[in-house]
Amino acid sequence: MPRGEIRRNACSVSPAVWRTCIFGAWTLLFLTEVCAQSQQRPIFICGGNITGESGVIGSQGYPGVYPPNTKCVWRITVPEGKVVVLSFRFIDLESDNLCRYDYVDVHSGHAKGQRLGRFCGTFMPGALVSTDNKMLLQMVSDANTAGSGFLAVFSAAHPHERGEQYCGGRLDKPSGTFKTPNWPEKDYPAGVTCFWHIVAPKNQIIEVKFEKFDVERDNYCRYDHVSIFNGAEINDAKRIGKYCGDSPPAPVFSEGNQLLIQFLSDLSLTADGFIGHYKFRPKTLPITTTPPTTSTQPVTTRPIRT
């Protein structure tokens, strides 16, 4: 069934239609459970304040086409002492390499602090984890192309309880190591998002080197990738580079005393992963920084994504 033909009334669609629709097994099972428990269709509006141990968030009118020229903000709060784990079950927004038009931003906290990611198109990111008990989602649409929007679920979790799926954190020692989950025993998992926030004293900068590097190859690093940013948040204007493939990037030097390293794997192919090292350097060290570009590995044929 083409996406444009999916009916708005999710709970009234017959089982035969649901089995063949584009949402896929996870979304089907989830919405079936929601409908059974509530005995009515879920209605998604533009933004709101959401509290509790778990819940579901959808774009306005989901699964119908979301409206143009809107800005919707959802503020999630789970119990004190826990963190928010957000997982997208479906996403279909106007596609753009830089997500400049229609997009969903996810922030840790309610004040648009550390941005955990910006998403558009049909890319399915891994689970996103806040640093405290609050998370903010903002969806923006322009006047043009639209899609079916997004559906996401959130739950409360104790910090670090995600086992091998957990990665990232604050690094403030003079030197250290960071690596993908499962390294080096096996490939990193699908559907993982990691953030390493490296903080040096104010009079120092940070050098990052990758010892081993093997991340799913794509000419534009659209799928699994590593991005490195100057500062403490995801900001395209401060991105030093975006990397994938099997060649370690050149050493990276920060401009100031903070770097943010983001690793993201989608729900498809995986690879060996990477191990990297960082150390603090005096600020007077001459800096040769990798230009802000994606790695240019040869294009390879990617299997059909299901």
Protein backbone atom coordinates (compact mmCIF):
# COMPACT_ATOMS: atom_id res chain seq x y z
CA MET A 1 0.00 0.00 0.00
CA PRO A 2 1.54 3.36 -0.98
CA ARG A 3 2.16 5.68 1.95
CA GLY A 4 -0.25 8.26 0.59
CA GLU A 5 -3.10 5.74 0.83
CA ILE A 6 -2.65 4.84 4.50
CA ARG A 7 -5.79 5.76 6.37
CA ARG A 8 -5.79 8.17 9.31
CA ASN A 9 -8.03 6.02 11.49
CA ALA A 10 -5.35 3.59 12.63
CA CYS A 11 -7.57 1.54 14.92
CA SER A 12 -10.36 1.05 12.40
CA VAL A 13 -8.15 -0.39 9.64
CA SER A 14 -8.82 -4.10 9.09
CA PRO A 15 -6.19 -6.69 10.11
CA ALA A 16 -5.72 -7.66 6.46
CA VAL A 17 -4.82 -4.10 5.53
CA TRP A 18 -2.49 -3.70 8.52
CA ARG A 19 -0.58 -6.86 7.59
CA THR A 20 0.33 -5.37 4.23
CA CYS A 21 0.84 -1.72 5.11
CA ILE A 22 4.14 0.13 5.06
CA PHE A 23 4.52 0.55 8.82
CA GLY A 24 6.17 -2.81 9.39
CA ALA A 25 5.87 -5.35 12.16
CA TRP A 26 7.01 -3.18 15.10
CA THR A 27 4.63 -0.34 14.35
CA LEU A 28 1.78 -2.73 13.64
CA LEU A 29 2.20 -4.55 16.94
CA PHE A 30 2.63 -1.32 18.88
CA LEU A 31 -0.43 0.44 17.45
CA THR A 32 -2.51 -2.72 17.78
CA GLU A 33 -1.65 -2.76 21.51
CA VAL A 34 -2.40 0.94 21.90
CA CYS A 35 -5.76 0.55 20.19
CA ALA A 36 -6.68 -2.52 22.22
CA GLN A 37 -5.89 -0.84 25.52
CA SER A 38 -7.58 2.46 24.77
CA GLN A 39 -10.44 1.01 22.67
CA GLN A 40 -10.12 4.03 20.40
CA ARG A 41 -7.73 5.38 17.84
CA PRO A 42 -4.69 7.32 19.04
CA ILE A 43 -4.94 11.00 18.16
CA PHE A 44 -1.66 12.87 17.70
CA ILE A 45 -1.60 16.63 18.08
CA CYS A 46 1.09 19.29 17.65
CA GLY A 47 3.32 19.11 20.72
CA GLY A 48 2.58 18.91 24.41
CA ASN A 49 3.96 18.04 27.84
CA ILE A 50 4.18 14.29 28.47
CA THR A 51 4.99 12.62 31.78
CA GLY A 52 5.18 9.01 32.91
CA GLU A 53 7.26 5.85 32.71
CA SER A 54 6.54 5.31 29.01
CA GLY A 55 4.46 6.64 26.16
CA VAL A 56 4.09 7.25 22.45
CA ILE A 57 4.58 10.41 20.41
CA GLY A 58 3.45 10.93 16.84
CA SER A 59 3.53 13.81 14.40
CA GLN A 60 0.35 15.83 14.05
CA GLY A 61 -2.29 13.72 12.27
CA TYR A 62 -0.11 10.59 12.07
CA PRO A 63 -0.42 8.31 10.11
CA GLY A 64 -1.86 10.91 7.76
CA VAL A 65 0.30 13.53 6.04
CA TYR A 66 1.58 16.10 8.53
CA PRO A 67 0.61 19.74 7.87
CA PRO A 68 2.99 22.31 6.32
CA ASN A 69 4.44 25.36 8.04
CA THR A 70 4.33 24.01 11.57
CA LYS A 71 6.62 23.85 14.58
CA CYS A 72 5.63 21.32 17.23
CA VAL A 73 7.42 20.79 20.55
CA TRP A 74 7.00 17.81 22.88
CA ARG A 75 8.53 17.87 26.38
CA ILE A 76 8.98 14.44 27.98
CA THR A 77 9.51 14.00 31.72
CA VAL A 78 10.13 10.63 33.39
CA PRO A 79 10.63 10.03 37.15
CA GLU A 80 13.63 11.63 38.88
CA GLY A 81 16.78 9.53 38.86
CA LYS A 82 16.00 7.94 35.49
CA VAL A 83 16.82 8.83 31.89
CA VAL A 84 14.62 8.96 28.80
CA VAL A 85 15.16 6.34 26.08
CA LEU A 86 13.50 7.31 22.80
CA SER A 87 13.09 4.93 19.85
CA PHE A 88 11.61 5.84 16.48
CA ARG A 89 9.27 3.21 15.07
CA PHE A 90 8.53 5.03 11.80
CA ILE A 91 9.80 8.17 10.11
CA ASP A 92 8.90 9.71 6.75
CA LEU A 93 9.78 13.38 6.39
CA GLU A 94 10.94 15.41 3.41
CA SER A 95 14.42 14.13 2.57
CA ASP A 96 17.47 16.41 2.44
CA ASN A 97 21.14 15.58 3.12
CA LEU A 98 21.34 18.34 5.74
CA CYS A 99 17.70 18.09 6.94
CA ARG A 100 17.19 21.79 6.19
CA TYR A 101 13.46 21.71 5.44
CA ASP A 102 11.31 19.23 7.37
CA TYR A 103 13.02 17.58 10.35
CA VAL A 104 12.78 16.31 13.91
CA ASP A 105 15.28 17.58 16.50
CA VAL A 106 15.84 15.63 19.71
CA HIS A 107 17.40 17.39 22.72
CA SER A 108 18.48 16.20 26.14
CA GLY A 109 16.61 18.30 28.70
CA HIS A 110 13.81 20.80 28.12
CA ALA A 111 15.87 23.90 27.32
CA LYS A 112 17.15 22.84 23.87
CA GLY A 113 20.54 22.09 25.41
CA GLN A 114 22.56 19.22 24.01
CA ARG A 115 21.04 18.16 20.70
CA LEU A 116 21.06 14.39 20.34
CA GLY A 117 20.23 14.41 16.65
CA ARG A 118 18.35 15.90 13.71
CA PHE A 119 16.47 13.46 11.48
CA CYS A 120 14.56 13.56 8.20
CA GLY A 121 13.78 11.36 5.21
CA THR A 122 13.17 7.73 6.14
CA PHE A 123 16.37 7.19 8.14
CA MET A 124 15.71 5.18 11.31
CA PRO A 125 18.19 6.18 14.04
CA GLY A 126 19.06 4.03 16.99
CA ALA A 127 17.76 4.63 20.50
CA LEU A 128 18.44 8.11 21.88
CA VAL A 129 19.20 8.50 25.58
CA SER A 130 18.95 11.73 27.58
CA THR A 131 21.42 12.69 30.29
CA ASP A 132 18.66 13.28 32.87
CA ASN A 133 14.94 12.70 33.22
CA LYS A 134 13.89 15.18 30.54
CA MET A 135 13.90 15.17 26.74
CA LEU A 136 12.59 17.58 24.11
CA LEU A 137 11.41 16.80 20.57
CA GLN A 138 10.79 19.52 18.01
CA MET A 139 9.36 18.88 14.55
CA VAL A 140 9.53 21.62 11.93
CA SER A 141 7.89 21.55 8.50
CA ASP A 142 8.13 24.09 5.69
CA ALA A 143 5.60 24.95 2.97
CA ASN A 144 6.53 22.21 0.53
CA THR A 145 6.91 18.43 0.36
CA ALA A 146 5.53 16.42 3.24
CA GLY A 147 5.25 12.77 4.25
CA SER A 148 3.55 10.59 6.84
CA GLY A 149 5.55 12.04 9.74
CA PHE A 150 6.94 9.97 12.59
CA LEU A 151 5.99 7.64 15.40
CA ALA A 152 8.26 7.20 18.43
CA VAL A 153 8.04 5.51 21.81
CA PHE A 154 9.81 6.53 25.01
CA SER A 155 10.49 4.79 28.29
CA ALA A 156 12.22 5.52 31.58
CA ALA A 157 15.45 3.64 32.30
CA HIS A 158 18.16 3.63 34.92
CA PRO A 159 21.43 5.13 33.61
CA HIS A 160 23.74 2.53 32.04
CA GLU A 161 21.16 -0.27 32.23
CA ARG A 162 21.19 -0.81 28.47
CA GLY A 163 24.09 -3.26 28.68
CA GLU A 164 26.03 -3.72 25.45
CA GLN A 165 23.79 -1.17 23.72
CA TYR A 166 25.07 1.58 26.01
CA CYS A 167 27.93 3.79 24.92
CA GLY A 168 29.11 7.37 25.14
CA GLY A 169 29.49 9.67 28.11
CA ARG A 170 31.56 12.58 29.39
CA LEU A 171 35.35 12.26 29.11
CA ASP A 172 37.39 14.76 31.12
CA LYS A 173 40.62 12.96 32.00
CA PRO A 174 43.83 14.11 30.25
CA SER A 175 43.71 11.10 27.92
CA GLY A 176 41.42 8.17 27.25
CA THR A 177 39.80 5.74 24.85
CA PHE A 178 36.35 5.44 23.30
CA LYS A 179 34.99 2.55 21.24
CA THR A 180 31.85 1.11 19.73
CA PRO A 181 29.74 -1.38 21.70
CA ASN A 182 31.02 -4.99 21.43
CA TRP A 183 34.52 -3.91 20.34
CA PRO A 184 36.58 -5.94 19.54
CA GLU A 185 34.69 -9.21 20.06
CA LYS A 186 32.01 -8.66 17.41
CA ASP A 187 30.29 -6.09 15.20
CA TYR A 188 28.59 -3.10 16.77
CA PRO A 189 24.79 -3.52 17.17
CA ALA A 190 22.24 -2.08 14.78
CA GLY A 191 20.17 0.83 16.04
CA VAL A 192 22.72 2.48 18.35
CA THR A 193 23.40 6.16 19.01
CA CYS A 194 26.46 7.17 21.07
CA PHE A 195 27.74 10.58 22.17
CA TRP A 196 31.14 11.18 23.73
CA HIS A 197 31.51 14.69 25.16
CA ILE A 198 35.21 15.43 25.70
CA VAL A 199 36.01 18.37 27.96
CA ALA A 200 39.54 19.72 28.52
CA PRO A 201 40.71 22.59 30.75
CA LYS A 202 40.03 25.99 29.18
CA ASN A 203 43.65 26.55 28.21
CA GLN A 204 43.93 23.27 26.30
CA ILE A 205 42.63 21.66 23.10
CA ILE A 206 41.81 18.04 22.25
CA GLU A 207 43.48 15.68 19.79
CA VAL A 208 41.53 12.62 18.56
CA LYS A 209 43.04 9.67 16.68
CA PHE A 210 41.34 6.49 15.48
CA GLU A 211 43.43 3.35 15.89
CA LYS A 212 41.03 1.04 14.02
CA PHE A 213 37.99 2.09 12.00
CA ASP A 214 35.36 0.06 10.13
CA VAL A 215 31.90 1.60 9.75
CA GLU A 216 29.38 0.70 7.04
CA ARG A 217 30.61 2.26 3.80
CA ASP A 218 28.58 4.76 1.80
CA ASN A 219 29.82 7.52 -0.48
CA TYR A 220 27.97 10.19 1.55
CA CYS A 221 28.00 8.43 4.94
CA ARG A 222 24.20 8.49 4.97
CA TYR A 223 23.76 5.38 7.08
CA ASP A 224 26.19 4.38 9.85
CA HIS A 225 28.66 7.17 10.53
CA VAL A 226 30.80 9.11 12.99
CA SER A 227 30.51 12.90 13.20
CA ILE A 228 32.83 15.15 15.20
CA PHE A 229 31.83 18.66 16.30
CA ASN A 230 33.63 21.55 17.92
CA GLY A 231 31.87 22.41 21.17
CA ALA A 232 29.32 20.52 23.22
CA GLU A 233 26.40 20.10 20.83
CA ILE A 234 25.47 18.92 17.36
CA ASN A 235 25.74 21.93 15.10
CA ASP A 236 26.32 21.59 11.35
CA ALA A 237 28.27 24.86 11.32
CA LYS A 238 30.73 23.40 13.86
CA ARG A 239 31.08 19.94 12.34
CA ILE A 240 34.70 19.02 11.72
CA GLY A 241 33.94 15.90 9.72
CA LYS A 242 31.61 12.99 9.01
CA TYR A 243 33.24 9.59 8.55
CA CYS A 244 32.46 6.04 7.44
CA GLY A 245 34.16 3.21 5.53
CA ASP A 246 37.20 1.24 6.60
CA SER A 247 39.98 3.87 6.56
CA PRO A 248 40.76 5.66 9.84
CA PRO A 249 40.19 9.42 9.57
CA ALA A 250 43.18 11.75 9.88
CA PRO A 251 43.86 13.06 13.41
CA VAL A 252 41.38 15.73 14.51
CA PHE A 253 42.18 18.77 16.68
CA SER A 254 39.53 20.86 18.41
CA GLU A 255 39.41 24.63 18.15
CA GLY A 256 38.53 25.03 21.82
CA ASN A 257 38.42 22.88 24.90
CA GLN A 258 35.38 20.76 23.97
CA LEU A 259 34.56 18.15 21.33
CA LEU A 260 31.44 16.08 20.72
CA ILE A 261 31.79 12.73 18.95
CA GLN A 262 28.59 11.16 17.64
CA PHE A 263 28.30 7.57 16.41
CA LEU A 264 25.08 6.44 14.82
CA SER A 265 24.11 3.05 13.37
CA ASP A 266 20.80 2.46 11.65
CA LEU A 267 18.68 -0.69 11.76
CA SER A 268 20.39 -2.43 8.84
CA LEU A 269 24.00 -3.44 8.11
CA THR A 270 26.74 -3.31 10.76
CA ALA A 271 30.55 -3.65 10.75
CA ASP A 272 33.56 -4.12 13.07
CA GLY A 273 33.32 -0.62 14.55
CA PHE A 274 36.20 1.46 15.87
CA ILE A 275 38.48 2.30 18.74
CA GLY A 276 39.78 5.82 19.15
CA HIS A 277 42.00 7.71 21.57
CA TYR A 278 42.05 11.31 22.73
CA LYS A 279 44.47 13.46 24.70
CA PHE A 280 44.66 17.05 25.81
CA ARG A 281 47.23 19.35 24.19
CA PRO A 282 48.50 22.84 25.04
CA LYS A 283 46.53 25.46 23.18
CA THR A 284 49.69 26.82 21.56
CA LEU A 285 50.11 23.60 19.51
CA PRO A 286 49.85 24.26 15.75
CA ILE A 287 46.52 22.87 14.58
CA THR A 288 45.97 20.95 11.36
CA THR A 289 42.32 19.95 11.32
CA THR A 290 40.60 17.60 8.91
CA PRO A 291 38.44 19.68 6.51
CA PRO A 292 34.68 19.56 7.23
CA THR A 293 33.63 16.96 4.71
CA THR A 294 32.33 13.45 4.54
CA SER A 295 34.78 10.65 3.87
CA THR A 296 34.94 9.69 0.22
CA GLN A 297 34.95 5.94 0.08
CA PRO A 298 34.10 4.13 -3.19
CA VAL A 299 30.39 3.63 -3.69
CA THR A 300 29.23 0.09 -3.05
CA THR A 301 25.90 -1.51 -3.74
CA ARG A 302 23.75 -1.52 -0.62
CA PRO A 303 21.22 -4.34 -0.16
CA ILE A 304 17.56 -3.37 -0.26
CA ARG A 305 16.60 -1.97 3.15
CA THR A 306 13.56 -3.62 4.65
